Amino acid sequence: MAYVRDRWTDQNPELERDPAARPRRIHNQRWGKGRRWQAVWTDAAGKRQARACASKDEAEKVVRDRDGRQAQSGPVPLDRWLHDWAAGQLHWSASTRRHADTAIDQVIVPALAGESVQSLTRQRIQDAVNGWAEQFAPATVKARWPFLRGAMSQAVADGVIERDPCVGVRLPRLAPPKTRVLTAGQVATIVSRVPERLRSLVIVGAASGLRPAELWGLTWDHVQAGGLRVDRQLRQGSAHDPKWGPPKTPRSNRTVSLGPAALEVLADHWSRWGDGVSGLVWTSRANGALSTSPMVGIWHRAVDGMGLWDRSGWHDLRHFHASALIHAGMSPRAVADRLGHADVTETLRVYSHLWPSDDASMAAVGDEIAGALSDT
C-alpha cells in the first residue's frame, strides 16, 4: 500500500466519534519542521519504506508509481492491507492501536478470511456485520467498524479499488445509553476506600471534572492559584519516565477553576506526599506514574459491593461533576467549556437527560399568553 502522509497534521480524534467534526485535521508537534509531505509504501519484502518530498505533488507522483507497480502484482490480501493501513496511522494513541490490532486480528480478518481488497463486496461485508451483531453489542460493532471503513477508504484513495464496498453497509442500531451518575454518598465511600495517597485524587476529580488521563497526568507546575491548567494528558511511557500527549480536542486546552476547599485538598496532599516523578501530583505506591491497569483494579476494589453499573470507572467522577454543574443551573455552554468538550452538541448528547424539564415554565408562559389574549 502506498499513500501520501502529511507529517505536520493529524486527523482530528473527534472524527472517530463524529464523522462531521471540524476541523478534519489538526496541527501536531512537527508543525513547520522539516519537509511536510511524505510518500509511504510497503516494498516487495513487506518492509515499510518512506521518502520525504518537497511538495505534495512530488509525493503523489511517488505514490502513483508505487500503486502502479502494486496493481500489476495482482490482488492485495485483505489482512495485509489492513495491517499496512493501521501501521500508517501514526496519529493514533497507544490505546487506539491496541483496539485496532484486536479488531483486525480477532474480528475483521476471521470474518472476511480469504478475501482480497479487490474481491470484497458490500454484501460480503454486510454478512460479516450481521454476524458480528449476533456476537457483540451494537456499541462494540460500531467501535470496530471504523478500522475496516478507514482501510477501504484508503484503498479507494490509493486507486487500488474504484468503489468503497463499505458504502451502504448497515450497522446495528445503537440506542444511546443514558449516562448514570454517582451520588455524593457513593463518591464519599470511594474516597474512604482508595489508598490514602489517592484520596485527594478522587476529591479533585469530582471537584474539577477532568478526564482520567488529564487528572493522572497533572503536574504541580500546572496547579495555579485559581485552578488547574490543562494542556496535555498522560499517554504512555514507563512508570518512571512518563510521556504526555496533547489533550483530547483543541477545546480541551483550558484552565479549570477551583475554589478554596479544593485547593486546600491539593495543598494538604503536597505537604504529605510532595513531588512525584516528573513533578506528578499523584503517583503509584512505588512513586511511578499512574497507569490504566492498576488504576482499574483500585477502582473495582473501591466500589466492590456498592451495586454500581457494569463498566463503572474513573470517568464517573467526571460525570458526577457534570451532574453537579447542571443541577446548580449551569448552561450547556458553560458545562461544555469546563469539561473541554469539542462543542455543546457533545455535552447535550451525553448529559441532556440531566437538565431539568422546562415543561411547567413553558406551560405557564403559554397560559399567560392565552390569558392576555382572552382579555382583549
Protein backbone atom coordinates (compact mmCIF):
# COMPACT_ATOMS: atom_id res chain seq x y z
CA MET A 1 0.00 0.00 0.00
CA ALA A 2 1.34 3.41 -0.95
CA TYR A 3 -0.05 6.68 0.31
CA VAL A 4 0.83 10.31 0.98
CA ARG A 5 1.29 11.34 4.58
CA ASP A 6 1.04 14.90 5.86
CA ARG A 7 3.69 14.95 8.60
CA TRP A 8 2.56 18.31 10.00
CA THR A 9 -1.05 17.47 10.83
CA ASP A 10 -3.01 14.62 12.39
CA GLN A 11 -6.60 13.59 11.91
CA ASN A 12 -8.87 15.24 14.46
CA PRO A 13 -9.50 12.45 17.01
CA GLU A 14 -13.13 13.63 17.30
CA LEU A 15 -13.77 12.19 13.80
CA GLU A 16 -13.71 8.69 15.30
CA ARG A 17 -16.81 9.68 17.28
CA ASP A 18 -18.40 12.24 14.97
CA PRO A 19 -17.66 11.97 11.21
CA ALA A 20 -18.93 15.56 10.76
CA ALA A 21 -16.48 17.07 13.27
CA ARG A 22 -14.42 20.09 12.23
CA PRO A 23 -11.61 20.74 11.61
CA ARG A 24 -10.80 17.49 9.84
CA ARG A 25 -7.10 17.72 10.72
CA ILE A 26 -5.18 19.50 13.47
CA HIS A 27 -1.59 20.70 13.83
CA ASN A 28 0.78 18.29 15.55
CA GLN A 29 4.15 18.75 17.25
CA ARG A 30 6.01 18.56 13.91
CA TRP A 31 4.20 21.62 12.51
CA GLY A 32 6.65 23.73 10.50
CA LYS A 33 9.58 21.34 10.97
CA GLY A 34 11.24 19.60 8.02
CA ARG A 35 9.50 18.52 4.84
CA ARG A 36 5.76 18.32 5.23
CA TRP A 37 4.89 15.62 2.70
CA GLN A 38 6.00 12.00 2.77
CA ALA A 39 5.37 9.12 0.38
CA VAL A 40 4.97 5.84 2.26
CA TRP A 41 4.80 2.34 0.78
CA THR A 42 5.43 -1.32 1.54
CA ASP A 43 8.11 -2.97 -0.58
CA ALA A 44 8.06 -6.49 -2.01
CA ALA A 45 9.70 -7.86 1.12
CA GLY A 46 6.90 -6.44 3.27
CA LYS A 47 9.11 -3.71 4.75
CA ARG A 48 7.72 -0.21 5.17
CA GLN A 49 9.57 2.47 3.21
CA ALA A 50 9.17 6.26 3.17
CA ARG A 51 10.50 9.25 1.25
CA ALA A 52 10.24 12.88 2.35
CA CYS A 53 9.17 15.07 -0.55
CA ALA A 54 9.46 18.77 -1.30
CA SER A 55 5.79 19.05 -2.27
CA LYS A 56 2.52 17.17 -2.17
CA ASP A 57 2.66 16.78 -5.96
CA GLU A 58 6.03 15.06 -5.72
CA ALA A 59 4.76 12.72 -3.00
CA GLU A 60 1.66 11.88 -5.05
CA LYS A 61 3.85 11.07 -8.06
CA VAL A 62 5.85 8.61 -5.96
CA VAL A 63 2.60 7.06 -4.71
CA ARG A 64 1.16 6.73 -8.22
CA ASP A 65 4.31 4.97 -9.31
CA ARG A 66 4.17 2.56 -6.38
CA ASP A 67 0.44 1.95 -6.81
CA GLY A 68 1.01 1.14 -10.47
CA ARG A 69 3.54 -1.48 -9.53
CA GLN A 70 1.18 -2.87 -6.91
CA ALA A 71 -1.72 -3.07 -9.36
CA GLN A 72 0.44 -5.11 -11.73
CA SER A 73 1.26 -7.56 -8.95
CA GLY A 74 -2.35 -8.80 -8.62
CA PRO A 75 -4.88 -8.96 -5.76
CA VAL A 76 -3.88 -7.50 -2.41
CA PRO A 77 -4.67 -9.78 0.55
CA LEU A 78 -7.12 -8.05 2.87
CA ASP A 79 -5.27 -8.94 6.06
CA ARG A 80 -2.01 -7.46 4.75
CA TRP A 81 -3.78 -4.30 3.62
CA LEU A 82 -5.47 -3.83 7.00
CA HIS A 83 -2.20 -4.20 8.89
CA ASP A 84 -0.34 -1.87 6.50
CA TRP A 85 -3.08 0.73 6.78
CA ALA A 86 -3.09 0.52 10.58
CA ALA A 87 0.70 0.85 10.69
CA GLY A 88 0.39 4.10 8.76
CA GLN A 89 -1.96 5.74 11.28
CA LEU A 90 0.84 7.47 13.16
CA HIS A 91 -1.55 9.85 14.94
CA TRP A 92 -3.18 7.00 16.89
CA SER A 93 -2.64 6.75 20.61
CA ALA A 94 -1.28 3.52 22.09
CA SER A 95 -4.76 2.51 23.29
CA THR A 96 -6.32 3.11 19.86
CA ARG A 97 -3.60 0.98 18.28
CA ARG A 98 -4.32 -1.85 20.71
CA HIS A 99 -8.04 -1.64 19.91
CA ALA A 100 -7.25 -1.68 16.18
CA ASP A 101 -4.98 -4.72 16.45
CA THR A 102 -7.65 -6.59 18.40
CA ALA A 103 -10.40 -5.65 15.95
CA ILE A 104 -8.34 -6.58 12.89
CA ASP A 105 -6.84 -9.84 14.19
CA GLN A 106 -9.76 -11.20 16.20
CA VAL A 107 -12.84 -9.88 14.41
CA ILE A 108 -12.39 -8.44 10.91
CA VAL A 109 -9.85 -10.83 9.37
CA PRO A 110 -11.53 -14.04 10.68
CA ALA A 111 -14.91 -12.89 9.36
CA LEU A 112 -13.51 -12.00 5.93
CA ALA A 113 -10.94 -14.77 5.63
CA GLY A 114 -9.64 -15.41 2.13
CA GLU A 115 -10.76 -12.07 0.72
CA SER A 116 -8.55 -9.65 -1.15
CA VAL A 117 -9.10 -5.90 -1.21
CA GLN A 118 -10.34 -6.21 -4.80
CA SER A 119 -12.71 -9.14 -4.18
CA LEU A 120 -14.52 -7.63 -1.20
CA THR A 121 -18.16 -6.70 -1.87
CA ARG A 122 -20.76 -4.74 0.04
CA GLN A 123 -22.87 -7.86 0.58
CA ARG A 124 -19.88 -9.81 1.91
CA ILE A 125 -19.21 -7.05 4.43
CA GLN A 126 -22.91 -6.80 5.34
CA ASP A 127 -22.95 -10.53 6.07
CA ALA A 128 -19.92 -10.10 8.31
CA VAL A 129 -21.53 -7.18 10.15
CA ASN A 130 -24.72 -9.21 10.65
CA GLY A 131 -22.61 -11.97 12.17
CA TRP A 132 -20.88 -9.52 14.50
CA ALA A 133 -24.26 -8.16 15.59
CA GLU A 134 -25.19 -11.65 16.81
CA GLN A 135 -21.98 -11.92 18.87
CA PHE A 136 -21.41 -8.39 20.15
CA ALA A 137 -23.32 -5.42 21.49
CA PRO A 138 -24.16 -2.70 18.93
CA ALA A 139 -21.67 -0.34 20.59
CA THR A 140 -18.88 -2.90 20.15
CA VAL A 141 -19.66 -3.34 16.45
CA LYS A 142 -19.73 0.42 15.97
CA ALA A 143 -16.38 0.80 17.77
CA ARG A 144 -14.68 -1.73 15.48
CA TRP A 145 -16.28 -0.62 12.23
CA PRO A 146 -14.01 2.45 11.62
CA PHE A 147 -10.96 0.20 11.25
CA LEU A 148 -12.44 -1.62 8.25
CA ARG A 149 -14.09 1.50 6.84
CA GLY A 150 -10.87 3.52 7.12
CA ALA A 151 -8.78 0.88 5.37
CA MET A 152 -11.26 0.61 2.50
CA SER A 153 -11.44 4.39 2.12
CA GLN A 154 -7.65 4.40 1.82
CA ALA A 155 -7.86 1.70 -0.85
CA VAL A 156 -10.15 3.94 -2.90
CA ALA A 157 -7.90 6.96 -2.38
CA ASP A 158 -4.86 4.95 -3.47
CA GLY A 159 -6.58 3.66 -6.61
CA VAL A 160 -6.45 0.01 -5.55
CA ILE A 161 -10.25 -0.23 -5.95
CA GLU A 162 -12.73 2.09 -7.65
CA ARG A 163 -15.58 1.94 -5.14
CA ASP A 164 -15.71 1.61 -1.38
CA PRO A 165 -17.53 -1.66 -0.53
CA CYS A 166 -18.34 -0.30 2.92
CA VAL A 167 -20.70 2.30 1.48
CA GLY A 168 -24.30 1.24 2.09
CA VAL A 169 -23.49 -1.30 4.80
CA ARG A 170 -25.95 -1.01 7.68
CA LEU A 171 -24.71 -1.25 11.25
CA PRO A 172 -26.89 -2.46 14.13
CA ARG A 173 -28.93 0.34 15.64
CA LEU A 174 -27.27 1.88 18.65
CA ALA A 175 -29.64 3.10 21.34
CA PRO A 176 -27.90 5.98 23.11
CA PRO A 177 -27.48 4.99 26.77
CA LYS A 178 -28.28 7.48 29.48
CA THR A 179 -25.24 8.44 31.49
CA ARG A 180 -25.57 7.17 35.04
CA VAL A 181 -24.26 9.32 37.86
CA LEU A 182 -22.76 8.53 41.23
CA THR A 183 -24.37 10.02 44.31
CA ALA A 184 -22.41 12.23 46.69
CA GLY A 185 -22.57 9.43 49.24
CA GLN A 186 -21.08 6.94 46.79
CA VAL A 187 -18.22 9.31 45.95
CA ALA A 188 -17.54 9.76 49.67
CA THR A 189 -17.41 5.98 50.07
CA ILE A 190 -14.92 5.71 47.21
CA VAL A 191 -12.76 8.40 48.85
CA SER A 192 -12.65 6.34 52.03
CA ARG A 193 -11.79 3.09 50.23
CA VAL A 194 -8.99 4.07 47.84
CA PRO A 195 -5.37 4.08 49.03
CA GLU A 196 -4.66 7.10 51.20
CA ARG A 197 -2.31 8.71 48.68
CA LEU A 198 -5.14 8.74 46.09
CA ARG A 199 -7.95 10.13 48.24
CA SER A 200 -7.20 13.67 47.13
CA LEU A 201 -7.28 12.47 43.50
CA VAL A 202 -10.88 11.30 43.92
CA ILE A 203 -11.84 14.58 45.58
CA VAL A 204 -10.16 16.78 42.96
CA GLY A 205 -11.55 14.62 40.15
CA ALA A 206 -15.08 15.09 41.49
CA ALA A 207 -14.46 18.82 42.01
CA SER A 208 -12.91 19.53 38.60
CA GLY A 209 -14.41 17.12 36.07
CA LEU A 210 -11.04 16.39 34.47
CA ARG A 211 -10.72 13.32 32.28
CA PRO A 212 -8.79 10.47 33.94
CA ALA A 213 -5.73 10.93 31.71
CA GLU A 214 -5.78 14.69 32.40
CA LEU A 215 -6.04 14.07 36.13
CA TRP A 216 -3.41 11.33 36.30
CA GLY A 217 -1.03 13.46 34.22
CA LEU A 218 -1.44 16.62 36.31
CA THR A 219 1.88 18.07 37.49
CA TRP A 220 2.46 20.62 40.21
CA ASP A 221 3.59 23.28 37.75
CA HIS A 222 0.05 23.12 36.28
CA VAL A 223 -1.59 23.79 39.66
CA GLN A 224 -2.21 27.53 39.75
CA ALA A 225 -3.58 29.94 42.32
CA GLY A 226 -7.03 29.86 40.74
CA GLY A 227 -7.19 26.30 39.48
CA LEU A 228 -5.68 23.75 37.11
CA ARG A 229 -4.05 24.38 33.73
CA VAL A 230 -4.96 21.57 31.32
CA ASP A 231 -2.92 21.48 28.12
CA ARG A 232 -1.85 17.83 27.98
CA GLN A 233 -2.74 14.36 29.21
CA LEU A 234 -0.78 11.31 30.33
CA ARG A 235 -0.34 8.95 27.39
CA GLN A 236 2.40 6.34 27.63
CA GLY A 237 5.95 5.65 28.70
CA SER A 238 7.38 3.79 31.67
CA ALA A 239 6.34 4.37 35.26
CA HIS A 240 9.44 6.43 35.95
CA ASP A 241 9.63 8.11 32.54
CA PRO A 242 6.06 9.25 31.84
CA LYS A 243 5.07 10.69 28.47
CA TRP A 244 2.38 13.26 27.74
CA GLY A 245 0.32 13.87 24.65
CA PRO A 246 -1.97 16.69 23.53
CA PRO A 247 -5.42 16.95 25.12
CA LYS A 248 -8.30 15.08 23.52
CA THR A 249 -9.62 18.03 21.48
CA PRO A 250 -8.44 21.59 20.81
CA ARG A 251 -11.13 22.85 23.21
CA SER A 252 -9.76 20.56 25.91
CA ASN A 253 -6.89 23.04 26.28
CA ARG A 254 -8.31 25.05 29.15
CA THR A 255 -7.98 26.31 32.71
CA VAL A 256 -10.35 24.71 35.23
CA SER A 257 -11.06 27.00 38.17
CA LEU A 258 -11.10 25.60 41.71
CA GLY A 259 -12.34 27.09 44.95
CA PRO A 260 -10.52 27.33 48.29
CA ALA A 261 -11.67 23.92 49.58
CA ALA A 262 -10.38 22.01 46.55
CA LEU A 263 -7.11 23.96 46.55
CA GLU A 264 -6.70 23.18 50.24
CA VAL A 265 -7.04 19.46 49.43
CA LEU A 266 -4.16 19.83 46.99
CA ALA A 267 -2.10 21.79 49.50
CA ASP A 268 -2.60 19.08 52.12
CA HIS A 269 -1.59 16.44 49.57
CA TRP A 270 1.58 18.37 48.77
CA SER A 271 2.54 18.72 52.41
CA ARG A 272 2.20 14.99 52.94
CA TRP A 273 3.36 13.42 49.68
CA GLY A 274 5.38 16.12 47.91
CA ASP A 275 6.59 15.90 44.31
CA GLY A 276 6.11 12.69 42.35
CA VAL A 277 8.22 11.50 39.43
CA SER A 278 8.48 14.24 36.77
CA GLY A 279 6.53 16.56 39.07
CA LEU A 280 3.33 14.48 39.02
CA VAL A 281 0.77 15.30 41.68
CA TRP A 282 -0.36 11.67 42.09
CA THR A 283 1.80 8.60 41.72
CA SER A 284 1.72 4.89 42.44
CA ARG A 285 2.88 3.27 45.65
CA ALA A 286 6.34 2.98 44.05
CA ASN A 287 6.28 6.71 43.15
CA GLY A 288 5.77 5.95 39.46
CA ALA A 289 3.25 7.40 37.03
CA LEU A 290 -0.28 6.03 37.34
CA SER A 291 -1.24 3.53 34.65
CA THR A 292 -4.56 2.15 33.47
CA SER A 293 -4.47 -1.48 34.60
CA PRO A 294 -3.54 -0.88 38.27
CA MET A 295 -5.94 2.07 38.47
CA VAL A 296 -8.80 -0.06 37.14
CA GLY A 297 -8.06 -2.57 39.88
CA ILE A 298 -8.04 0.16 42.54
CA TRP A 299 -11.42 1.42 41.31
CA HIS A 300 -13.01 -2.02 41.26
CA ARG A 301 -11.85 -2.75 44.80
CA ALA A 302 -13.15 0.62 45.98
CA VAL A 303 -16.64 0.11 44.54
CA ASP A 304 -16.93 -3.59 45.38
CA GLY A 305 -20.35 -4.30 46.87
CA MET A 306 -21.77 -0.86 46.02
CA GLY A 307 -24.07 -2.22 43.30
CA LEU A 308 -22.79 0.09 40.56
CA TRP A 309 -23.42 -0.49 36.86
CA ASP A 310 -21.16 -2.53 34.60
CA ARG A 311 -18.10 -0.69 33.32
CA SER A 312 -18.12 1.96 36.01
CA GLY A 313 -14.75 3.62 36.30
CA TRP A 314 -12.72 6.73 36.98
CA HIS A 315 -14.60 8.59 34.24
CA ASP A 316 -17.65 8.51 36.51
CA LEU A 317 -16.08 11.22 38.66
CA ARG A 318 -16.27 13.44 35.58
CA HIS A 319 -19.94 12.56 35.11
CA PHE A 320 -20.56 13.30 38.79
CA HIS A 321 -19.02 16.76 38.38
CA ALA A 322 -21.04 17.48 35.23
CA SER A 323 -24.23 16.47 37.02
CA ALA A 324 -23.41 18.82 39.91
CA LEU A 325 -22.88 21.69 37.47
CA ILE A 326 -26.18 21.00 35.74
CA HIS A 327 -28.16 20.80 38.97
CA ALA A 328 -26.53 24.08 40.04
CA GLY A 329 -28.12 25.73 36.99
CA MET A 330 -25.08 25.99 34.70
CA SER A 331 -25.80 26.40 30.98
CA PRO A 332 -24.78 23.78 28.39
CA ARG A 333 -22.17 26.21 27.05
CA ALA A 334 -20.62 26.65 30.50
CA VAL A 335 -20.57 22.90 31.15
CA ALA A 336 -19.01 22.22 27.73
CA ASP A 337 -16.27 24.78 28.32
CA ARG A 338 -15.39 23.45 31.76
CA LEU A 339 -15.30 19.82 30.62
CA GLY A 340 -13.34 20.65 27.47
CA HIS A 341 -15.93 19.18 25.12
CA ALA A 342 -15.48 19.75 21.40
CA ASP A 343 -18.81 21.57 21.28
CA VAL A 344 -22.12 21.96 23.08
CA THR A 345 -23.61 19.18 20.96
CA GLU A 346 -21.36 16.67 22.68
CA THR A 347 -22.42 17.97 26.09
CA LEU A 348 -26.11 17.65 25.25
CA ARG A 349 -25.63 14.21 23.72
CA VAL A 350 -24.12 12.90 26.96
CA TYR A 351 -25.99 14.89 29.60
CA SER A 352 -29.23 16.29 28.13
CA HIS A 353 -31.35 13.96 30.31
CA LEU A 354 -29.84 15.53 33.44
CA TRP A 355 -31.12 19.04 32.75
CA PRO A 356 -34.47 19.66 34.47
CA SER A 357 -37.52 19.85 32.26
CA ASP A 358 -38.87 23.31 31.42
CA ASP A 359 -42.34 21.99 30.61
CA ALA A 360 -44.02 23.65 33.60
CA SER A 361 -42.37 27.01 32.88
CA MET A 362 -43.27 26.82 29.20
CA ALA A 363 -46.87 25.93 30.05
CA ALA A 364 -47.01 28.96 32.34
CA VAL A 365 -45.74 31.22 29.54
CA GLY A 366 -48.32 29.79 27.17
CA ASP A 367 -51.04 30.28 29.78
CA GLU A 368 -50.00 33.90 30.27
CA ILE A 369 -50.27 34.48 26.52
CA ALA A 370 -53.70 32.82 26.40
CA GLY A 371 -54.92 34.89 29.35
CA ALA A 372 -53.71 38.15 27.84
CA LEU A 373 -55.36 37.41 24.50
CA SER A 374 -58.62 36.35 26.19
CA ASP A 375 -58.88 39.77 27.84
CA THR A 376 -58.72 41.63 24.54
